[in-house]
Amino acid sequence: MIEQWRKSSYSGGTSDEACVEVAGLAGTVGIRDSKDPDGDRLSVSGAAFGVLVEQIKRGALDRP
């Protein structure tokens, strides 16, 4: 399977922006740091990724 990593259109598109990238990987969602594409990666279930996205949208993970 060829990894198709992508980042949010809200990232600004420049390489110096701090951003994460995601990819569908054999039944999971891969998450990596866009500044270190060869570094560590996180792999979570689609359901867990959906929960994370909903929490982000609600602001549940925002710092005060």
N, C-alpha and C. Protein backbone atom coordinates (compact mmCIF):
# COMPACT_ATOMS: atom_id res chain seq x y z
N MET A 1 0.84 -1.19 0.00
CA MET A 1 0.00 0.00 0.00
C MET A 1 0.89 1.25 0.00
N ILE A 2 0.63 2.16 -0.89
CA ILE A 2 1.36 3.42 -0.96
C ILE A 2 0.73 4.40 0.01
N GLU A 3 1.54 4.98 0.86
CA GLU A 3 1.05 5.94 1.84
C GLU A 3 0.77 7.27 1.15
N GLN A 4 -0.42 7.78 1.37
CA GLN A 4 -0.79 9.09 0.84
C GLN A 4 -0.96 10.05 2.01
N TRP A 5 0.15 10.61 2.46
CA TRP A 5 0.12 11.53 3.59
C TRP A 5 -0.43 12.87 3.14
N ARG A 6 -1.23 13.48 3.99
CA ARG A 6 -1.78 14.81 3.66
C ARG A 6 -1.90 15.63 4.94
N LYS A 7 -1.85 16.94 4.75
CA LYS A 7 -2.03 17.83 5.90
C LYS A 7 -3.18 18.77 5.62
N SER A 8 -3.66 19.38 6.65
CA SER A 8 -4.82 20.25 6.56
C SER A 8 -4.57 21.44 5.63
N SER A 9 -5.60 21.83 4.93
CA SER A 9 -5.49 23.03 4.10
C SER A 9 -5.34 24.28 4.97
N TYR A 10 -5.64 24.17 6.27
CA TYR A 10 -5.49 25.28 7.20
C TYR A 10 -4.03 25.48 7.62
N SER A 11 -3.15 24.58 7.22
CA SER A 11 -1.76 24.65 7.67
C SER A 11 -0.98 25.77 7.02
N GLY A 12 -1.49 26.36 5.98
CA GLY A 12 -0.79 27.45 5.31
C GLY A 12 0.08 27.00 4.16
N GLY A 13 0.39 25.71 4.11
CA GLY A 13 1.12 25.16 2.99
C GLY A 13 2.61 25.41 2.94
N THR A 14 3.17 26.08 3.95
CA THR A 14 4.61 26.30 3.93
C THR A 14 5.31 25.24 4.76
N SER A 15 6.52 24.94 4.41
CA SER A 15 7.26 23.88 5.08
C SER A 15 7.69 24.25 6.50
N ASP A 16 7.67 25.54 6.86
CA ASP A 16 8.09 25.92 8.21
C ASP A 16 6.94 25.96 9.20
N GLU A 17 5.75 25.61 8.77
CA GLU A 17 4.59 25.56 9.65
C GLU A 17 4.61 24.28 10.47
N ALA A 18 4.32 24.37 11.76
CA ALA A 18 4.18 23.18 12.61
C ALA A 18 2.83 22.56 12.28
N CYS A 19 2.84 21.30 11.92
CA CYS A 19 1.63 20.68 11.43
C CYS A 19 1.75 19.17 11.55
N VAL A 20 0.62 18.50 11.57
CA VAL A 20 0.63 17.04 11.50
C VAL A 20 0.08 16.62 10.15
N GLU A 21 0.45 15.43 9.75
CA GLU A 21 -0.07 14.84 8.52
C GLU A 21 -0.76 13.53 8.89
N VAL A 22 -1.75 13.15 8.10
CA VAL A 22 -2.46 11.89 8.33
C VAL A 22 -2.49 11.08 7.05
N ALA A 23 -2.64 9.76 7.21
CA ALA A 23 -2.74 8.86 6.07
C ALA A 23 -3.55 7.64 6.48
N GLY A 24 -4.34 7.12 5.55
CA GLY A 24 -5.02 5.86 5.78
C GLY A 24 -4.01 4.73 5.59
N LEU A 25 -3.86 3.89 6.61
CA LEU A 25 -2.86 2.82 6.58
C LEU A 25 -3.51 1.49 6.97
N ALA A 26 -3.73 0.62 6.07
CA ALA A 26 -4.19 -0.75 6.34
C ALA A 26 -5.13 -0.86 7.54
N GLY A 27 -6.26 -0.21 7.48
CA GLY A 27 -7.26 -0.31 8.53
C GLY A 27 -7.06 0.63 9.71
N THR A 28 -6.04 1.47 9.67
CA THR A 28 -5.80 2.44 10.74
C THR A 28 -5.54 3.81 10.11
N VAL A 29 -5.39 4.80 10.98
CA VAL A 29 -5.02 6.14 10.53
C VAL A 29 -3.64 6.44 11.08
N GLY A 30 -2.72 6.80 10.20
CA GLY A 30 -1.36 7.16 10.61
C GLY A 30 -1.28 8.65 10.84
N ILE A 31 -0.53 9.05 11.86
CA ILE A 31 -0.34 10.46 12.19
C ILE A 31 1.15 10.68 12.36
N ARG A 32 1.68 11.75 11.73
CA ARG A 32 3.10 12.06 11.87
C ARG A 32 3.31 13.56 11.86
N ASP A 33 4.49 13.97 12.27
CA ASP A 33 4.90 15.37 12.29
C ASP A 33 5.38 15.74 10.89
N SER A 34 4.81 16.79 10.33
CA SER A 34 5.18 17.17 8.96
C SER A 34 6.63 17.63 8.85
N LYS A 35 7.20 18.10 9.96
CA LYS A 35 8.60 18.54 9.93
C LYS A 35 9.58 17.37 10.03
N ASP A 36 9.07 16.20 10.42
CA ASP A 36 9.94 15.02 10.59
C ASP A 36 9.25 13.79 9.99
N PRO A 37 9.07 13.77 8.67
CA PRO A 37 8.31 12.70 8.04
C PRO A 37 8.91 11.31 8.19
N ASP A 38 10.20 11.23 8.50
CA ASP A 38 10.84 9.93 8.70
C ASP A 38 10.91 9.55 10.18
N GLY A 39 10.37 10.41 11.04
CA GLY A 39 10.41 10.16 12.48
C GLY A 39 9.29 9.21 12.92
N ASP A 40 9.04 9.23 14.21
CA ASP A 40 8.02 8.37 14.79
C ASP A 40 6.65 8.68 14.21
N ARG A 41 5.82 7.65 14.17
CA ARG A 41 4.45 7.78 13.68
C ARG A 41 3.52 7.15 14.68
N LEU A 42 2.34 7.67 14.74
CA LEU A 42 1.30 7.14 15.60
C LEU A 42 0.27 6.48 14.70
N SER A 43 -0.21 5.33 15.11
CA SER A 43 -1.24 4.62 14.35
C SER A 43 -2.42 4.37 15.27
N VAL A 44 -3.60 4.85 14.89
CA VAL A 44 -4.80 4.69 15.71
C VAL A 44 -5.94 4.16 14.84
N SER A 45 -6.93 3.59 15.50
CA SER A 45 -8.09 3.11 14.77
C SER A 45 -8.86 4.29 14.18
N GLY A 46 -9.64 4.02 13.16
CA GLY A 46 -10.47 5.07 12.56
C GLY A 46 -11.42 5.67 13.58
N ALA A 47 -11.96 4.82 14.46
CA ALA A 47 -12.89 5.30 15.50
C ALA A 47 -12.18 6.25 16.47
N ALA A 48 -10.98 5.88 16.90
CA ALA A 48 -10.22 6.73 17.82
C ALA A 48 -9.87 8.06 17.15
N PHE A 49 -9.52 8.02 15.87
CA PHE A 49 -9.20 9.25 15.16
C PHE A 49 -10.44 10.15 15.07
N GLY A 50 -11.59 9.54 14.82
CA GLY A 50 -12.83 10.31 14.77
C GLY A 50 -13.13 11.01 16.09
N VAL A 51 -12.90 10.31 17.20
CA VAL A 51 -13.09 10.92 18.53
C VAL A 51 -12.13 12.10 18.70
N LEU A 52 -10.87 11.93 18.32
CA LEU A 52 -9.89 13.00 18.42
C LEU A 52 -10.33 14.22 17.62
N VAL A 53 -10.76 14.00 16.40
CA VAL A 53 -11.19 15.12 15.54
C VAL A 53 -12.38 15.85 16.17
N GLU A 54 -13.34 15.11 16.70
CA GLU A 54 -14.51 15.74 17.34
C GLU A 54 -14.09 16.56 18.56
N GLN A 55 -13.15 16.04 19.35
CA GLN A 55 -12.67 16.79 20.52
C GLN A 55 -11.97 18.07 20.09
N ILE A 56 -11.19 18.00 19.03
CA ILE A 56 -10.52 19.20 18.52
C ILE A 56 -11.54 20.22 18.05
N LYS A 57 -12.55 19.78 17.32
CA LYS A 57 -13.58 20.69 16.82
C LYS A 57 -14.34 21.38 17.95
N ARG A 58 -14.59 20.65 19.05
CA ARG A 58 -15.31 21.20 20.20
C ARG A 58 -14.44 22.10 21.06
N GLY A 59 -13.13 22.04 20.84
CA GLY A 59 -12.21 22.84 21.66
C GLY A 59 -11.87 22.17 22.97
N ALA A 60 -12.20 20.89 23.11
CA ALA A 60 -11.98 20.16 24.35
C ALA A 60 -10.50 20.01 24.68
N LEU A 61 -9.63 20.16 23.71
CA LEU A 61 -8.19 19.98 23.93
C LEU A 61 -7.42 21.31 23.92
N ASP A 62 -8.15 22.41 23.81
CA ASP A 62 -7.49 23.73 23.79
C ASP A 62 -6.84 24.02 25.13
N ARG A 63 -5.71 24.67 25.07
CA ARG A 63 -5.04 25.10 26.29
C ARG A 63 -5.69 26.40 26.74
N PRO A 64 -5.76 26.59 28.07
CA PRO A 64 -6.36 27.86 28.57
C PRO A 64 -5.50 29.06 28.27
